[in-house]
Amino acid sequence: MEGSLESDSSKVKVDQANVTALLDHLKDLGIPQSATLIALGSKVYKALEGNLPAGYHLSQLMHYSGMNGHWRFEKERKKVRQIIEAHTAL
């Protein structure tokens, strides 16, 4: 998958190498391991869940794609606030 782009999420396959590359990239950017990672959508969340080393915090927001029909601004805004509050409490 490295170096490829695909907008159809059903065609995207994520493996441990992708997760490792993401973590390396975050490290290069100076993002601390204590930062909360926010997965946008269930596919991203499922790819990261269980593949992150201990110490990483993972939260999920619903993808804003109009195709899902369940996205609500206020609901997601509330989740963002909860994530921020939980992260600052760490």
N, C-alpha and C. Protein backbone atom coordinates (compact mmCIF):
# COMPACT_ATOMS: atom_id res chain seq x y z
N MET A 1 0.81 -1.19 0.00
CA MET A 1 0.00 0.00 0.00
C MET A 1 0.85 1.25 0.00
N GLU A 2 2.05 1.18 0.51
CA GLU A 2 2.89 2.37 0.60
C GLU A 2 3.04 3.02 -0.76
N GLY A 3 2.82 4.34 -0.78
CA GLY A 3 2.97 5.08 -2.02
C GLY A 3 1.75 5.05 -2.92
N SER A 4 0.71 4.32 -2.52
CA SER A 4 -0.48 4.25 -3.37
C SER A 4 -1.59 5.09 -2.78
N LEU A 5 -2.47 5.55 -3.64
CA LEU A 5 -3.63 6.32 -3.22
C LEU A 5 -4.88 5.61 -3.71
N GLU A 6 -5.90 5.57 -2.87
CA GLU A 6 -7.16 4.93 -3.24
C GLU A 6 -8.28 5.62 -2.49
N SER A 7 -9.27 6.09 -3.21
CA SER A 7 -10.38 6.76 -2.55
C SER A 7 -11.51 5.80 -2.20
N ASP A 8 -11.51 4.62 -2.74
CA ASP A 8 -12.53 3.62 -2.43
C ASP A 8 -12.03 2.79 -1.25
N SER A 9 -12.56 3.06 -0.05
CA SER A 9 -12.06 2.40 1.15
C SER A 9 -12.23 0.89 1.12
N SER A 10 -13.16 0.39 0.33
CA SER A 10 -13.34 -1.07 0.27
C SER A 10 -12.14 -1.74 -0.42
N LYS A 11 -11.34 -0.96 -1.14
CA LYS A 11 -10.16 -1.51 -1.82
C LYS A 11 -8.88 -1.33 -1.02
N VAL A 12 -8.97 -0.65 0.10
CA VAL A 12 -7.78 -0.38 0.90
C VAL A 12 -7.57 -1.50 1.90
N LYS A 13 -6.38 -2.04 1.91
CA LYS A 13 -6.00 -3.08 2.87
C LYS A 13 -4.86 -2.53 3.71
N VAL A 14 -5.05 -2.51 5.01
CA VAL A 14 -4.05 -1.97 5.93
C VAL A 14 -3.43 -3.13 6.69
N ASP A 15 -2.10 -3.11 6.79
CA ASP A 15 -1.41 -4.14 7.55
C ASP A 15 -0.50 -3.49 8.58
N GLN A 16 0.20 -4.32 9.35
CA GLN A 16 1.05 -3.81 10.42
C GLN A 16 2.13 -2.89 9.87
N ALA A 17 2.61 -3.14 8.66
CA ALA A 17 3.64 -2.27 8.07
C ALA A 17 3.11 -0.85 7.90
N ASN A 18 1.83 -0.71 7.54
CA ASN A 18 1.23 0.61 7.39
C ASN A 18 1.13 1.32 8.74
N VAL A 19 0.76 0.57 9.78
CA VAL A 19 0.65 1.15 11.11
C VAL A 19 2.03 1.58 11.59
N THR A 20 3.03 0.75 11.37
CA THR A 20 4.40 1.09 11.75
C THR A 20 4.87 2.34 11.02
N ALA A 21 4.56 2.44 9.73
CA ALA A 21 4.94 3.62 8.95
C ALA A 21 4.26 4.88 9.50
N LEU A 22 2.99 4.75 9.89
CA LEU A 22 2.28 5.89 10.49
C LEU A 22 2.95 6.32 11.79
N LEU A 23 3.26 5.36 12.64
CA LEU A 23 3.89 5.68 13.92
C LEU A 23 5.26 6.32 13.72
N ASP A 24 6.01 5.82 12.74
CA ASP A 24 7.31 6.42 12.42
C ASP A 24 7.14 7.86 11.94
N HIS A 25 6.13 8.08 11.13
CA HIS A 25 5.85 9.42 10.62
C HIS A 25 5.47 10.37 11.76
N LEU A 26 4.62 9.91 12.66
CA LEU A 26 4.24 10.73 13.81
C LEU A 26 5.46 11.07 14.66
N LYS A 27 6.34 10.09 14.84
CA LYS A 27 7.57 10.31 15.61
C LYS A 27 8.44 11.36 14.92
N ASP A 28 8.59 11.26 13.58
CA ASP A 28 9.36 12.23 12.82
C ASP A 28 8.79 13.64 12.96
N LEU A 29 7.47 13.73 13.10
CA LEU A 29 6.81 15.03 13.26
C LEU A 29 6.88 15.55 14.69
N GLY A 30 7.38 14.74 15.59
CA GLY A 30 7.49 15.16 16.98
C GLY A 30 6.21 14.98 17.78
N ILE A 31 5.30 14.15 17.27
CA ILE A 31 4.05 13.88 17.99
C ILE A 31 4.36 12.87 19.09
N PRO A 32 4.12 13.21 20.34
CA PRO A 32 4.47 12.29 21.42
C PRO A 32 3.54 11.07 21.46
N GLN A 33 4.05 9.99 21.99
CA GLN A 33 3.26 8.76 22.12
C GLN A 33 2.05 8.98 23.01
N SER A 34 2.10 9.98 23.86
CA SER A 34 0.99 10.25 24.76
C SER A 34 -0.18 10.97 24.07
N ALA A 35 0.03 11.41 22.83
CA ALA A 35 -1.05 12.08 22.09
C ALA A 35 -2.18 11.10 21.80
N THR A 36 -3.38 11.60 21.75
CA THR A 36 -4.52 10.78 21.39
C THR A 36 -4.68 10.78 19.88
N LEU A 37 -4.66 9.60 19.29
CA LEU A 37 -4.88 9.47 17.85
C LEU A 37 -6.38 9.39 17.61
N ILE A 38 -6.86 10.14 16.64
CA ILE A 38 -8.28 10.13 16.32
C ILE A 38 -8.46 9.50 14.95
N ALA A 39 -9.13 8.36 14.94
CA ALA A 39 -9.41 7.66 13.69
C ALA A 39 -10.70 8.21 13.10
N LEU A 40 -10.63 8.62 11.85
CA LEU A 40 -11.80 9.16 11.17
C LEU A 40 -12.46 8.03 10.39
N GLY A 41 -13.49 7.44 10.99
CA GLY A 41 -14.21 6.34 10.36
C GLY A 41 -13.86 5.00 10.97
N SER A 42 -14.75 4.05 10.77
CA SER A 42 -14.57 2.73 11.38
C SER A 42 -13.45 1.93 10.73
N LYS A 43 -13.21 2.12 9.44
CA LYS A 43 -12.15 1.36 8.77
C LYS A 43 -10.79 1.73 9.34
N VAL A 44 -10.55 3.01 9.54
CA VAL A 44 -9.28 3.46 10.12
C VAL A 44 -9.17 2.97 11.56
N TYR A 45 -10.26 3.11 12.31
CA TYR A 45 -10.25 2.67 13.71
C TYR A 45 -9.92 1.18 13.81
N LYS A 46 -10.58 0.38 13.00
CA LYS A 46 -10.35 -1.07 13.05
C LYS A 46 -8.92 -1.42 12.65
N ALA A 47 -8.36 -0.66 11.71
CA ALA A 47 -6.98 -0.92 11.29
C ALA A 47 -5.98 -0.61 12.40
N LEU A 48 -6.27 0.42 13.19
CA LEU A 48 -5.35 0.80 14.26
C LEU A 48 -5.60 0.05 15.55
N GLU A 49 -6.84 -0.24 15.83
CA GLU A 49 -7.20 -0.91 17.08
C GLU A 49 -6.50 -2.26 17.16
N GLY A 50 -5.81 -2.47 18.22
CA GLY A 50 -5.11 -3.75 18.39
C GLY A 50 -3.76 -3.81 17.72
N ASN A 51 -3.45 -2.84 16.85
CA ASN A 51 -2.15 -2.83 16.18
C ASN A 51 -1.22 -1.76 16.74
N LEU A 52 -1.74 -0.95 17.65
CA LEU A 52 -0.91 0.09 18.27
C LEU A 52 -0.21 -0.48 19.49
N PRO A 53 1.05 -0.11 19.67
CA PRO A 53 1.75 -0.56 20.88
C PRO A 53 1.09 0.02 22.13
N ALA A 54 1.35 -0.59 23.26
CA ALA A 54 0.82 -0.10 24.53
C ALA A 54 1.27 1.34 24.73
N GLY A 55 0.40 2.13 25.30
CA GLY A 55 0.73 3.52 25.57
C GLY A 55 0.08 4.50 24.61
N TYR A 56 -0.38 4.02 23.49
CA TYR A 56 -1.07 4.89 22.54
C TYR A 56 -2.55 4.96 22.89
N HIS A 57 -3.12 6.13 22.72
CA HIS A 57 -4.54 6.34 22.99
C HIS A 57 -5.24 6.52 21.65
N LEU A 58 -6.33 5.81 21.45
CA LEU A 58 -7.05 5.84 20.18
C LEU A 58 -8.51 6.15 20.44
N SER A 59 -9.03 7.12 19.69
CA SER A 59 -10.45 7.45 19.72
C SER A 59 -10.97 7.44 18.30
N GLN A 60 -12.28 7.41 18.16
CA GLN A 60 -12.88 7.34 16.83
C GLN A 60 -13.95 8.41 16.66
N LEU A 61 -13.95 9.01 15.48
CA LEU A 61 -15.03 9.89 15.06
C LEU A 61 -15.65 9.27 13.82
N MET A 62 -16.93 9.48 13.64
CA MET A 62 -17.60 8.97 12.45
C MET A 62 -17.14 9.77 11.23
N HIS A 63 -16.91 9.09 10.15
CA HIS A 63 -16.52 9.75 8.91
C HIS A 63 -17.68 10.62 8.43
N TYR A 64 -17.36 11.77 7.90
CA TYR A 64 -18.37 12.74 7.49
C TYR A 64 -18.94 12.48 6.10
N SER A 65 -18.60 11.38 5.51
CA SER A 65 -19.09 11.06 4.17
C SER A 65 -20.62 11.12 4.14
N GLY A 66 -21.14 11.80 3.14
CA GLY A 66 -22.59 11.90 3.00
C GLY A 66 -23.25 10.57 2.74
N MET A 67 -22.46 9.56 2.38
CA MET A 67 -23.03 8.26 2.05
C MET A 67 -23.50 7.51 3.29
N ASN A 68 -22.96 7.83 4.47
CA ASN A 68 -23.33 7.03 5.63
C ASN A 68 -24.68 7.43 6.22
N GLY A 69 -25.10 8.66 5.98
CA GLY A 69 -26.43 9.09 6.43
C GLY A 69 -26.63 9.23 7.92
N HIS A 70 -25.60 8.93 8.70
CA HIS A 70 -25.72 8.99 10.16
C HIS A 70 -24.89 10.09 10.78
N TRP A 71 -24.14 10.84 10.00
CA TRP A 71 -23.24 11.85 10.52
C TRP A 71 -24.04 13.05 11.00
N ARG A 72 -23.80 13.45 12.24
CA ARG A 72 -24.47 14.61 12.81
C ARG A 72 -23.42 15.49 13.46
N PHE A 73 -23.40 16.75 13.06
CA PHE A 73 -22.40 17.71 13.53
C PHE A 73 -22.33 17.76 15.05
N GLU A 74 -23.46 17.97 15.69
CA GLU A 74 -23.46 18.14 17.15
C GLU A 74 -22.97 16.88 17.87
N LYS A 75 -23.34 15.72 17.36
CA LYS A 75 -22.91 14.47 17.98
C LYS A 75 -21.38 14.32 17.89
N GLU A 76 -20.82 14.61 16.72
CA GLU A 76 -19.38 14.50 16.54
C GLU A 76 -18.64 15.59 17.30
N ARG A 77 -19.22 16.77 17.37
CA ARG A 77 -18.61 17.86 18.13
C ARG A 77 -18.53 17.47 19.62
N LYS A 78 -19.56 16.84 20.12
CA LYS A 78 -19.57 16.38 21.51
C LYS A 78 -18.47 15.34 21.72
N LYS A 79 -18.29 14.44 20.76
CA LYS A 79 -17.23 13.43 20.86
C LYS A 79 -15.86 14.09 20.89
N VAL A 80 -15.67 15.12 20.05
CA VAL A 80 -14.38 15.82 20.03
C VAL A 80 -14.09 16.44 21.40
N ARG A 81 -15.09 17.06 21.97
CA ARG A 81 -14.91 17.65 23.31
C ARG A 81 -14.59 16.58 24.34
N GLN A 82 -15.24 15.43 24.26
CA GLN A 82 -14.97 14.34 25.20
C GLN A 82 -13.55 13.83 25.04
N ILE A 83 -13.09 13.72 23.80
CA ILE A 83 -11.72 13.26 23.53
C ILE A 83 -10.72 14.25 24.12
N ILE A 84 -10.96 15.53 23.90
CA ILE A 84 -10.05 16.56 24.43
C ILE A 84 -10.03 16.50 25.96
N GLU A 85 -11.20 16.40 26.57
CA GLU A 85 -11.25 16.33 28.03
C GLU A 85 -10.55 15.09 28.56
N ALA A 86 -10.75 13.96 27.91
CA ALA A 86 -10.10 12.73 28.36
C ALA A 86 -8.58 12.83 28.19
N HIS A 87 -8.14 13.42 27.10
CA HIS A 87 -6.70 13.54 26.85
C HIS A 87 -6.05 14.48 27.86
N THR A 88 -6.69 15.58 28.15
CA THR A 88 -6.11 16.53 29.09
C THR A 88 -6.11 15.99 30.52
N ALA A 89 -6.95 15.00 30.78
CA ALA A 89 -7.00 14.39 32.11
C ALA A 89 -5.88 13.36 32.30
N LEU A 90 -5.22 12.96 31.21
CA LEU A 90 -4.17 11.92 31.31
C LEU A 90 -2.97 12.40 32.08
